[in-house]
Amino acid sequence: MVERHRFLNLLSHLVLCLGVLVIVFPIYLALVGSSHSAQDMVQSPIPLWFGHDTWNNYHTILLGEGPGVTSQLPVTRMMWVSLVTALSIAFGKIVISLLSAFAIVYFQFPFRKTVFWGIFVTLMLPVEVRIVPTYQVVADFGMVNSFAGLTIPLIASATATFLFRQFFLTVPDELTEAAKMDGASPLRFFWDVLLPLSRTSIAALFVIQFIYGWNQYLWPLLMSTEERMYPIVVGIRSMTAGSDAQVQWNLVMATAILALLPPALVVVGMQKWFIKGLIDTEK
C-alpha cells in the first residue's frame, strides 16, 4: 500500500499548478492581446488585462475588412481550408490504414510480411527526405493550390496501419471461423465485426490525425502559392511577415485564438473515446 504524505501531496500539486500555468499563460496573453488595439500591443509593457476592442478585432479578421494583410486573408477562408484538410487527412488515414491492416492480417498473398515491413520502414524516413520528390509528383499532376494536393500525399499512415494490425491480431480466431460458417464475405466480416470492435481505436486515431492535419505547416507552405489556399497556420505566418511596426499583433492574437478552437473542441468532445482507445482494447 502506498502511503500518502502531506508534504509530497502539496509538492505534487504545486508542480502540477506550475505546469498548468506555463501552458495556460501564453494562451491567456493571446486572449488578452486579441481584445486590444494595435497601438496598445506595441507599447511596453504589453497589457495584462482585457481591453475594449474584442468585437472589432474578431469582426475584422473573420470578414477580412480591416487594413493590411488581413483584408486579403479572411480567417473564415483560412479556417475552412484547414478544416477540409484536417478532416480529409484524418478520414483518409483511418480508411486506408484499416483496409491495409485488414489485408495484411486476414489475406494470404506472396511477400505479405515484406509488404508490412516495407510500410513500417517508412516510419524511419523523415518528411524532409521525401518532400522534394513528393512535391515534384504532385506538381506534375497539376495539384498545386488544390485540396487534393494538400491532402492526398499525407493520407497514408504507417503508424495507423501498424496499430490496426496489432489490434486485429488480438481478435479471437473464433470470430473469424464463426463468420466463415455463417457465410459472411471478407468485407462483411470487416464491416460487421472488425469495425465495431475498432471504434475506440478509430476515435483515438481520429483525434490525433485531426490535430496533425490542422497543424500542418511545411507541406501547405509548399503547396499553397495562392492566398486563397492558405490554411490558418500558414495564414498566421503570413500575417507576421512584416516588421514589428507593421504587424497588427492584436489581429494575429485573435487569429491564433480562433486557430486553437477546432482542435480543442475535438479533444474535449471526444475525450472519453480518446482515452478508451488508448487504454481499452474493447474485445
C-alpha atoms as a PDB file:
ATOM      1  CA  MET A   1       0.000   0.000   0.000  1.00  0.00           C
ATOM      2  CA  VAL A   2       1.331   3.416  -0.954  1.00  0.00           C
ATOM      3  CA  GLU A   3       1.423   5.886   1.910  1.00  0.00           C
ATOM      4  CA  ARG A   4       0.274   9.423   1.294  1.00  0.00           C
ATOM      5  CA  HIS A   5       2.482  12.112   2.728  1.00  0.00           C
ATOM      6  CA  ARG A   6       1.019  15.573   3.165  1.00  0.00           C
ATOM      7  CA  PHE A   7       4.195  17.350   2.053  1.00  0.00           C
ATOM      8  CA  LEU A   8       4.560  15.181  -1.051  1.00  0.00           C
ATOM      9  CA  ASN A   9       0.913  15.755  -1.972  1.00  0.00           C
ATOM     10  CA  LEU A  10       1.406  19.500  -1.606  1.00  0.00           C
ATOM     11  CA  LEU A  11       4.597  19.387  -3.686  1.00  0.00           C
ATOM     12  CA  SER A  12       2.980  17.344  -6.452  1.00  0.00           C
ATOM     13  CA  HIS A  13       0.015  19.718  -6.636  1.00  0.00           C
ATOM     14  CA  LEU A  14       2.379  22.684  -6.732  1.00  0.00           C
ATOM     15  CA  VAL A  15       4.298  21.160  -9.649  1.00  0.00           C
ATOM     16  CA  LEU A  16       1.034  20.443 -11.475  1.00  0.00           C
ATOM     17  CA  CYS A  17      -0.163  24.012 -10.940  1.00  0.00           C
ATOM     18  CA  LEU A  18       3.128  25.408 -12.235  1.00  0.00           C
ATOM     19  CA  GLY A  19       2.881  23.166 -15.292  1.00  0.00           C
ATOM     20  CA  VAL A  20      -0.673  24.335 -15.992  1.00  0.00           C
ATOM     21  CA  LEU A  21       0.415  27.962 -15.542  1.00  0.00           C
ATOM     22  CA  VAL A  22       3.267  27.558 -18.035  1.00  0.00           C
ATOM     23  CA  ILE A  23       0.856  26.103 -20.604  1.00  0.00           C
ATOM     24  CA  VAL A  24      -2.082  28.440 -19.995  1.00  0.00           C
ATOM     25  CA  PHE A  25      -0.258  31.768 -19.613  1.00  0.00           C
ATOM     26  CA  PRO A  26       0.679  32.175 -23.330  1.00  0.00           C
ATOM     27  CA  ILE A  27      -2.933  31.390 -24.264  1.00  0.00           C
ATOM     28  CA  TYR A  28      -4.097  33.983 -21.749  1.00  0.00           C
ATOM     29  CA  LEU A  29      -1.737  36.575 -23.248  1.00  0.00           C
ATOM     30  CA  ALA A  30      -3.073  35.828 -26.729  1.00  0.00           C
ATOM     31  CA  LEU A  31      -6.649  36.161 -25.479  1.00  0.00           C
ATOM     32  CA  VAL A  32      -5.844  39.467 -23.808  1.00  0.00           C
ATOM     33  CA  GLY A  33      -3.981  40.712 -26.875  1.00  0.00           C
ATOM     34  CA  SER A  34      -6.958  39.930 -29.088  1.00  0.00           C
ATOM     35  CA  SER A  35      -9.039  42.408 -27.081  1.00  0.00           C
ATOM     36  CA  HIS A  36      -6.752  45.444 -27.533  1.00  0.00           C
ATOM     37  CA  SER A  37      -5.936  47.810 -30.349  1.00  0.00           C
ATOM     38  CA  ALA A  38      -2.780  47.619 -32.447  1.00  0.00           C
ATOM     39  CA  GLN A  39      -1.358  50.658 -30.654  1.00  0.00           C
ATOM     40  CA  ASP A  40      -1.775  49.031 -27.252  1.00  0.00           C
ATOM     41  CA  MET A  41       0.107  45.923 -28.361  1.00  0.00           C
ATOM     42  CA  VAL A  42       3.266  47.810 -29.367  1.00  0.00           C
ATOM     43  CA  GLN A  43       3.548  49.515 -26.004  1.00  0.00           C
ATOM     44  CA  SER A  44       5.883  48.302 -23.295  1.00  0.00           C
ATOM     45  CA  PRO A  45       4.888  46.530 -21.179  1.00  0.00           C
ATOM     46  CA  ILE A  46       2.081  44.846 -23.072  1.00  0.00           C
ATOM     47  CA  PRO A  47      -1.354  44.872 -21.414  1.00  0.00           C
ATOM     48  CA  LEU A  48      -2.135  42.037 -18.999  1.00  0.00           C
ATOM     49  CA  TRP A  49      -5.868  42.645 -18.755  1.00  0.00           C
ATOM     50  CA  PHE A  50      -8.647  42.676 -21.320  1.00  0.00           C
ATOM     51  CA  GLY A  51      -9.353  45.718 -23.467  1.00  0.00           C
ATOM     52  CA  HIS A  52     -12.415  47.014 -25.297  1.00  0.00           C
ATOM     53  CA  ASP A  53     -11.639  46.132 -28.929  1.00  0.00           C
ATOM     54  CA  THR A  54     -12.573  42.437 -28.878  1.00  0.00           C
ATOM     55  CA  TRP A  55     -15.558  42.717 -31.203  1.00  0.00           C
ATOM     56  CA  ASN A  56     -13.750  44.948 -33.706  1.00  0.00           C
ATOM     57  CA  ASN A  57     -10.724  42.641 -33.864  1.00  0.00           C
ATOM     58  CA  TYR A  58     -12.672  39.431 -34.401  1.00  0.00           C
ATOM     59  CA  HIS A  59     -15.051  41.098 -36.846  1.00  0.00           C
ATOM     60  CA  THR A  60     -12.068  42.365 -38.817  1.00  0.00           C
ATOM     61  CA  ILE A  61     -10.284  39.040 -39.155  1.00  0.00           C
ATOM     62  CA  LEU A  62     -13.399  36.934 -39.746  1.00  0.00           C
ATOM     63  CA  LEU A  63     -14.666  39.093 -42.590  1.00  0.00           C
ATOM     64  CA  GLY A  64     -11.308  40.398 -43.811  1.00  0.00           C
ATOM     65  CA  GLU A  65     -12.461  44.007 -43.735  1.00  0.00           C
ATOM     66  CA  GLY A  66      -9.537  45.546 -41.900  1.00  0.00           C
ATOM     67  CA  PRO A  67      -6.463  47.340 -43.232  1.00  0.00           C
ATOM     68  CA  GLY A  68      -3.287  45.495 -44.126  1.00  0.00           C
ATOM     69  CA  VAL A  69      -2.751  41.875 -44.997  1.00  0.00           C
ATOM     70  CA  THR A  70      -5.936  40.687 -43.274  1.00  0.00           C
ATOM     71  CA  SER A  71      -8.035  42.303 -45.994  1.00  0.00           C
ATOM     72  CA  GLN A  72      -6.654  39.639 -48.356  1.00  0.00           C
ATOM     73  CA  LEU A  73      -6.758  36.782 -45.840  1.00  0.00           C
ATOM     74  CA  PRO A  74     -10.169  36.448 -44.173  1.00  0.00           C
ATOM     75  CA  VAL A  75      -9.850  33.955 -41.357  1.00  0.00           C
ATOM     76  CA  THR A  76     -13.106  32.268 -42.311  1.00  0.00           C
ATOM     77  CA  ARG A  77     -11.488  31.120 -45.562  1.00  0.00           C
ATOM     78  CA  MET A  78      -8.293  30.005 -43.814  1.00  0.00           C
ATOM     79  CA  MET A  79     -10.271  28.024 -41.231  1.00  0.00           C
ATOM     80  CA  TRP A  80     -12.332  26.391 -43.981  1.00  0.00           C
ATOM     81  CA  VAL A  81      -9.161  25.284 -45.780  1.00  0.00           C
ATOM     82  CA  SER A  82      -7.716  23.950 -42.514  1.00  0.00           C
ATOM     83  CA  LEU A  83     -10.953  22.148 -41.634  1.00  0.00           C
ATOM     84  CA  VAL A  84     -11.269  20.426 -45.012  1.00  0.00           C
ATOM     85  CA  THR A  85      -7.584  19.491 -44.925  1.00  0.00           C
ATOM     86  CA  ALA A  86      -7.708  18.126 -41.367  1.00  0.00           C
ATOM     87  CA  LEU A  87     -10.902  16.104 -41.918  1.00  0.00           C
ATOM     88  CA  SER A  88      -9.676  14.710 -45.241  1.00  0.00           C
ATOM     89  CA  ILE A  89      -6.336  13.671 -43.756  1.00  0.00           C
ATOM     90  CA  ALA A  90      -7.940  12.137 -40.649  1.00  0.00           C
ATOM     91  CA  PHE A  91     -10.596  10.135 -42.517  1.00  0.00           C
ATOM     92  CA  GLY A  92      -8.202   9.214 -45.319  1.00  0.00           C
ATOM     93  CA  LYS A  93      -5.559   7.895 -42.933  1.00  0.00           C
ATOM     94  CA  ILE A  94      -8.099   5.866 -40.976  1.00  0.00           C
ATOM     95  CA  VAL A  95      -9.761   4.305 -44.042  1.00  0.00           C
ATOM     96  CA  ILE A  96      -6.521   3.419 -45.814  1.00  0.00           C
ATOM     97  CA  SER A  97      -4.908   2.111 -42.615  1.00  0.00           C
ATOM     98  CA  LEU A  98      -7.922  -0.044 -41.747  1.00  0.00           C
ATOM     99  CA  LEU A  99      -8.035  -1.623 -45.200  1.00  0.00           C
ATOM    100  CA  SER A 100      -4.284  -2.170 -45.419  1.00  0.00           C
ATOM    101  CA  ALA A 101      -4.123  -3.706 -41.931  1.00  0.00           C
ATOM    102  CA  PHE A 102      -7.127  -5.902 -42.753  1.00  0.00           C
ATOM    103  CA  ALA A 103      -5.432  -7.164 -45.919  1.00  0.00           C
ATOM    104  CA  ILE A 104      -2.124  -7.841 -44.166  1.00  0.00           C
ATOM    105  CA  VAL A 105      -3.698  -9.782 -41.291  1.00  0.00           C
ATOM    106  CA  TYR A 106      -6.516 -11.717 -42.957  1.00  0.00           C
ATOM    107  CA  PHE A 107      -5.359 -12.344 -46.528  1.00  0.00           C
ATOM    108  CA  GLN A 108      -2.653 -14.747 -47.624  1.00  0.00           C
ATOM    109  CA  PHE A 109      -0.613 -13.343 -50.510  1.00  0.00           C
ATOM    110  CA  PRO A 110       3.043 -13.544 -51.555  1.00  0.00           C
ATOM    111  CA  PHE A 111       5.508 -11.340 -49.652  1.00  0.00           C
ATOM    112  CA  ARG A 112       2.867 -10.340 -47.119  1.00  0.00           C
ATOM    113  CA  LYS A 113       5.394  -9.774 -44.329  1.00  0.00           C
ATOM    114  CA  THR A 114       7.716  -7.977 -46.725  1.00  0.00           C
ATOM    115  CA  VAL A 115       4.920  -5.574 -47.641  1.00  0.00           C
ATOM    116  CA  PHE A 116       4.172  -4.915 -43.982  1.00  0.00           C
ATOM    117  CA  TRP A 117       7.797  -4.249 -43.079  1.00  0.00           C
ATOM    118  CA  GLY A 118       8.137  -2.080 -46.169  1.00  0.00           C
ATOM    119  CA  ILE A 119       5.279   0.039 -44.814  1.00  0.00           C
ATOM    120  CA  PHE A 120       6.779   0.037 -41.338  1.00  0.00           C
ATOM    121  CA  VAL A 121      10.237   1.139 -42.544  1.00  0.00           C
ATOM    122  CA  THR A 122       8.721   4.375 -43.883  1.00  0.00           C
ATOM    123  CA  LEU A 123       8.392   5.470 -40.237  1.00  0.00           C
ATOM    124  CA  MET A 124      12.156   5.878 -40.196  1.00  0.00           C
ATOM    125  CA  LEU A 125      12.155   8.316 -43.117  1.00  0.00           C
ATOM    126  CA  PRO A 126      11.654  11.932 -42.050  1.00  0.00           C
ATOM    127  CA  VAL A 127       9.282  14.047 -44.081  1.00  0.00           C
ATOM    128  CA  GLU A 128      12.113  16.264 -45.299  1.00  0.00           C
ATOM    129  CA  VAL A 129      13.771  13.307 -47.083  1.00  0.00           C
ATOM    130  CA  ARG A 130      10.793  12.672 -49.358  1.00  0.00           C
ATOM    131  CA  ILE A 131       9.219  16.105 -49.557  1.00  0.00           C
ATOM    132  CA  VAL A 132      11.067  17.208 -52.728  1.00  0.00           C
ATOM    133  CA  PRO A 133      10.171  14.163 -54.876  1.00  0.00           C
ATOM    134  CA  THR A 134       6.641  14.222 -53.458  1.00  0.00           C
ATOM    135  CA  TYR A 135       6.275  17.864 -54.439  1.00  0.00           C
ATOM    136  CA  GLN A 136       7.565  17.091 -57.936  1.00  0.00           C
ATOM    137  CA  VAL A 137       4.980  14.330 -58.390  1.00  0.00           C
ATOM    138  CA  VAL A 138       2.132  16.498 -57.103  1.00  0.00           C
ATOM    139  CA  ALA A 139       3.203  19.424 -59.291  1.00  0.00           C
ATOM    140  CA  ASP A 140       3.383  17.162 -62.369  1.00  0.00           C
ATOM    141  CA  PHE A 141      -0.210  16.106 -61.735  1.00  0.00           C
ATOM    142  CA  GLY A 142      -1.275  19.769 -61.532  1.00  0.00           C
ATOM    143  CA  MET A 143      -2.484  19.578 -57.913  1.00  0.00           C
ATOM    144  CA  VAL A 144      -0.723  22.693 -56.610  1.00  0.00           C
ATOM    145  CA  ASN A 145      -3.171  25.101 -54.930  1.00  0.00           C
ATOM    146  CA  SER A 146      -5.828  22.434 -54.541  1.00  0.00           C
ATOM    147  CA  PHE A 147      -7.320  20.416 -51.699  1.00  0.00           C
ATOM    148  CA  ALA A 148      -6.131  17.251 -53.419  1.00  0.00           C
ATOM    149  CA  GLY A 149      -2.553  18.485 -53.327  1.00  0.00           C
ATOM    150  CA  LEU A 150      -2.870  19.439 -49.671  1.00  0.00           C
ATOM    151  CA  THR A 151      -4.306  16.105 -48.541  1.00  0.00           C
ATOM    152  CA  ILE A 152      -3.580  13.137 -50.829  1.00  0.00           C
ATOM    153  CA  PRO A 153       0.208  12.999 -50.191  1.00  0.00           C
ATOM    154  CA  LEU A 154      -0.457  12.950 -46.417  1.00  0.00           C
ATOM    155  CA  ILE A 155      -3.237  10.375 -46.055  1.00  0.00           C
ATOM    156  CA  ALA A 156      -1.017   7.275 -45.917  1.00  0.00           C
ATOM    157  CA  SER A 157      -0.004   6.396 -42.359  1.00  0.00           C
ATOM    158  CA  ALA A 158       2.398   3.618 -41.404  1.00  0.00           C
ATOM    159  CA  THR A 159       1.738   4.286 -37.720  1.00  0.00           C
ATOM    160  CA  ALA A 160      -2.020   3.806 -38.017  1.00  0.00           C
ATOM    161  CA  THR A 161      -1.526   0.702 -40.181  1.00  0.00           C
ATOM    162  CA  PHE A 162       0.771  -0.778 -37.540  1.00  0.00           C
ATOM    163  CA  LEU A 163      -1.654  -0.016 -34.708  1.00  0.00           C
ATOM    164  CA  PHE A 164      -4.646  -1.514 -36.515  1.00  0.00           C
ATOM    165  CA  ARG A 165      -2.606  -4.580 -37.488  1.00  0.00           C
ATOM    166  CA  GLN A 166      -1.622  -5.162 -33.885  1.00  0.00           C
ATOM    167  CA  PHE A 167      -5.243  -4.805 -32.807  1.00  0.00           C
ATOM    168  CA  PHE A 168      -6.553  -7.172 -35.483  1.00  0.00           C
ATOM    169  CA  LEU A 169      -4.029  -9.786 -34.350  1.00  0.00           C
ATOM    170  CA  THR A 170      -5.692  -9.769 -30.912  1.00  0.00           C
ATOM    171  CA  VAL A 171      -9.149 -10.535 -32.329  1.00  0.00           C
ATOM    172  CA  PRO A 172     -10.015 -14.158 -31.421  1.00  0.00           C
ATOM    173  CA  ASP A 173      -9.836 -16.654 -34.279  1.00  0.00           C
ATOM    174  CA  GLU A 174     -13.239 -17.959 -33.193  1.00  0.00           C
ATOM    175  CA  LEU A 175     -14.854 -14.801 -34.558  1.00  0.00           C
ATOM    176  CA  THR A 176     -13.268 -15.372 -37.940  1.00  0.00           C
ATOM    177  CA  GLU A 177     -14.342 -19.010 -38.013  1.00  0.00           C
ATOM    178  CA  ALA A 178     -17.891 -18.126 -36.935  1.00  0.00           C
ATOM    179  CA  ALA A 179     -18.123 -15.537 -39.724  1.00  0.00           C
ATOM    180  CA  LYS A 180     -16.962 -18.110 -42.272  1.00  0.00           C
ATOM    181  CA  MET A 181     -19.511 -20.651 -41.034  1.00  0.00           C
ATOM    182  CA  ASP A 182     -22.270 -18.050 -41.375  1.00  0.00           C
ATOM    183  CA  GLY A 183     -21.205 -17.438 -44.972  1.00  0.00           C
ATOM    184  CA  ALA A 184     -20.014 -13.874 -44.389  1.00  0.00           C
ATOM    185  CA  SER A 185     -17.796 -12.425 -47.096  1.00  0.00           C
ATOM    186  CA  PRO A 186     -14.486 -10.778 -46.107  1.00  0.00           C
ATOM    187  CA  LEU A 187     -15.943  -7.295 -46.460  1.00  0.00           C
ATOM    188  CA  ARG A 188     -18.998  -8.334 -44.448  1.00  0.00           C
ATOM    189  CA  PHE A 189     -16.716  -9.624 -41.678  1.00  0.00           C
ATOM    190  CA  PHE A 190     -14.740  -6.391 -41.852  1.00  0.00           C
ATOM    191  CA  TRP A 191     -17.850  -4.195 -41.684  1.00  0.00           C
ATOM    192  CA  ASP A 192     -19.899  -6.109 -39.087  1.00  0.00           C
ATOM    193  CA  VAL A 193     -17.180  -7.461 -36.805  1.00  0.00           C
ATOM    194  CA  LEU A 194     -13.876  -5.615 -37.073  1.00  0.00           C
ATOM    195  CA  LEU A 195     -15.193  -2.062 -37.400  1.00  0.00           C
ATOM    196  CA  PRO A 196     -17.406  -2.214 -34.272  1.00  0.00           C
ATOM    197  CA  LEU A 197     -14.506  -3.693 -32.305  1.00  0.00           C
ATOM    198  CA  SER A 198     -12.182  -0.951 -33.584  1.00  0.00           C
ATOM    199  CA  ARG A 199     -14.377   2.057 -32.862  1.00  0.00           C
ATOM    200  CA  THR A 200     -12.423   3.263 -29.811  1.00  0.00           C
ATOM    201  CA  SER A 201      -9.120   2.910 -31.660  1.00  0.00           C
ATOM    202  CA  ILE A 202     -10.620   4.765 -34.613  1.00  0.00           C
ATOM    203  CA  ALA A 203     -11.795   7.571 -32.320  1.00  0.00           C
ATOM    204  CA  ALA A 204      -8.371   7.916 -30.705  1.00  0.00           C
ATOM    205  CA  LEU A 205      -6.636   7.967 -34.078  1.00  0.00           C
ATOM    206  CA  PHE A 206      -9.141  10.482 -35.431  1.00  0.00           C
ATOM    207  CA  VAL A 207      -8.274  12.943 -32.649  1.00  0.00           C
ATOM    208  CA  ILE A 208      -4.544  12.521 -33.246  1.00  0.00           C
ATOM    209  CA  GLN A 209      -4.783  12.741 -37.026  1.00  0.00           C
ATOM    210  CA  PHE A 210      -7.181  15.697 -36.995  1.00  0.00           C
ATOM    211  CA  ILE A 211      -4.744  17.705 -34.891  1.00  0.00           C
ATOM    212  CA  TYR A 212      -1.910  16.533 -37.159  1.00  0.00           C
ATOM    213  CA  GLY A 213      -3.775  17.734 -40.239  1.00  0.00           C
ATOM    214  CA  TRP A 214      -4.885  21.007 -38.656  1.00  0.00           C
ATOM    215  CA  ASN A 215      -1.342  21.931 -37.582  1.00  0.00           C
ATOM    216  CA  GLN A 216       0.305  21.166 -40.930  1.00  0.00           C
ATOM    217  CA  TYR A 217       2.689  23.957 -41.944  1.00  0.00           C
ATOM    218  CA  LEU A 218       5.595  22.803 -44.132  1.00  0.00           C
ATOM    219  CA  TRP A 219       3.592  20.914 -46.765  1.00  0.00           C
ATOM    220  CA  PRO A 220       0.836  23.573 -47.159  1.00  0.00           C
ATOM    221  CA  LEU A 221       3.558  26.201 -47.365  1.00  0.00           C
ATOM    222  CA  LEU A 222       4.897  24.448 -50.468  1.00  0.00           C
ATOM    223  CA  MET A 223       1.508  23.581 -51.941  1.00  0.00           C
ATOM    224  CA  SER A 224      -0.172  26.969 -51.417  1.00  0.00           C
ATOM    225  CA  THR A 225       1.241  29.638 -53.689  1.00  0.00           C
ATOM    226  CA  GLU A 226      -2.102  31.488 -53.724  1.00  0.00           C
ATOM    227  CA  GLU A 227      -3.582  33.093 -50.625  1.00  0.00           C
ATOM    228  CA  ARG A 228      -6.993  31.505 -51.173  1.00  0.00           C
ATOM    229  CA  MET A 229      -5.469  28.091 -50.294  1.00  0.00           C
ATOM    230  CA  TYR A 230      -3.667  29.184 -47.139  1.00  0.00           C
ATOM    231  CA  PRO A 231      -4.594  27.111 -44.068  1.00  0.00           C
ATOM    232  CA  ILE A 232      -4.779  29.070 -40.862  1.00  0.00           C
ATOM    233  CA  VAL A 233      -1.267  28.122 -39.661  1.00  0.00           C
ATOM    234  CA  VAL A 234       0.308  29.431 -42.861  1.00  0.00           C
ATOM    235  CA  GLY A 235      -2.022  32.439 -42.714  1.00  0.00           C
ATOM    236  CA  ILE A 236      -0.773  33.380 -39.258  1.00  0.00           C
ATOM    237  CA  ARG A 237       2.798  33.210 -40.517  1.00  0.00           C
ATOM    238  CA  SER A 238       1.945  35.460 -43.468  1.00  0.00           C
ATOM    239  CA  MET A 239       0.365  37.991 -41.093  1.00  0.00           C
ATOM    240  CA  THR A 240       3.659  38.275 -39.199  1.00  0.00           C
ATOM    241  CA  ALA A 241       5.866  38.540 -42.289  1.00  0.00           C
ATOM    242  CA  GLY A 242       6.480  42.288 -41.951  1.00  0.00           C
ATOM    243  CA  SER A 243       8.451  44.258 -39.381  1.00  0.00           C
ATOM    244  CA  ASP A 244       7.166  44.568 -35.813  1.00  0.00           C
ATOM    245  CA  ALA A 245       5.930  48.077 -36.534  1.00  0.00           C
ATOM    246  CA  GLN A 246       3.775  46.829 -39.424  1.00  0.00           C
ATOM    247  CA  VAL A 247       2.377  43.675 -37.823  1.00  0.00           C
ATOM    248  CA  GLN A 248      -1.034  44.090 -36.225  1.00  0.00           C
ATOM    249  CA  TRP A 249      -0.407  41.879 -33.243  1.00  0.00           C
ATOM    250  CA  ASN A 250      -3.924  42.236 -31.919  1.00  0.00           C
ATOM    251  CA  LEU A 251      -5.281  40.630 -35.092  1.00  0.00           C
ATOM    252  CA  VAL A 252      -2.573  37.976 -35.045  1.00  0.00           C
ATOM    253  CA  MET A 253      -3.523  37.076 -31.464  1.00  0.00           C
ATOM    254  CA  ALA A 254      -7.204  36.906 -32.367  1.00  0.00           C
ATOM    255  CA  THR A 255      -6.413  34.623 -35.302  1.00  0.00           C
ATOM    256  CA  ALA A 256      -4.289  32.397 -33.050  1.00  0.00           C
ATOM    257  CA  ILE A 257      -7.187  32.051 -30.593  1.00  0.00           C
ATOM    258  CA  LEU A 258      -9.541  31.030 -33.390  1.00  0.00           C
ATOM    259  CA  ALA A 259      -6.955  28.536 -34.635  1.00  0.00           C
ATOM    260  CA  LEU A 260      -6.970  26.874 -31.207  1.00  0.00           C
ATOM    261  CA  LEU A 261     -10.726  26.335 -31.069  1.00  0.00           C
ATOM    262  CA  PRO A 262     -11.377  23.426 -33.501  1.00  0.00           C
ATOM    263  CA  PRO A 263      -8.621  21.126 -32.145  1.00  0.00           C
ATOM    264  CA  ALA A 264      -9.663  21.967 -28.584  1.00  0.00           C
ATOM    265  CA  LEU A 265     -13.312  21.192 -29.347  1.00  0.00           C
ATOM    266  CA  VAL A 266     -12.358  17.876 -30.963  1.00  0.00           C
ATOM    267  CA  VAL A 267     -10.242  16.854 -27.958  1.00  0.00           C
ATOM    268  CA  VAL A 268     -12.879  17.883 -25.414  1.00  0.00           C
ATOM    269  CA  GLY A 269     -15.771  16.396 -27.375  1.00  0.00           C
ATOM    270  CA  MET A 270     -14.023  13.065 -27.967  1.00  0.00           C
ATOM    271  CA  GLN A 271     -12.055  12.877 -24.724  1.00  0.00           C
ATOM    272  CA  LYS A 272     -13.917   9.817 -23.440  1.00  0.00           C
ATOM    273  CA  TRP A 273     -13.427   7.856 -26.665  1.00  0.00           C
ATOM    274  CA  PHE A 274      -9.848   9.041 -26.980  1.00  0.00           C
ATOM    275  CA  ILE A 275      -8.899   7.723 -23.547  1.00  0.00           C
ATOM    276  CA  LYS A 276     -10.723   4.422 -24.108  1.00  0.00           C
ATOM    277  CA  GLY A 277      -8.979   3.987 -27.427  1.00  0.00           C
ATOM    278  CA  LEU A 278      -5.585   4.307 -25.762  1.00  0.00           C
ATOM    279  CA  ILE A 279      -6.195   2.023 -22.757  1.00  0.00           C
ATOM    280  CA  ASP A 280      -9.015  -0.336 -23.736  1.00  0.00           C
ATOM    281  CA  THR A 281      -8.874  -2.967 -26.469  1.00  0.00           C
ATOM    282  CA  GLU A 282     -12.655  -3.482 -26.181  1.00  0.00           C
ATOM    283  CA  LYS A 283     -12.577  -7.122 -27.211  1.00  0.00           C
END
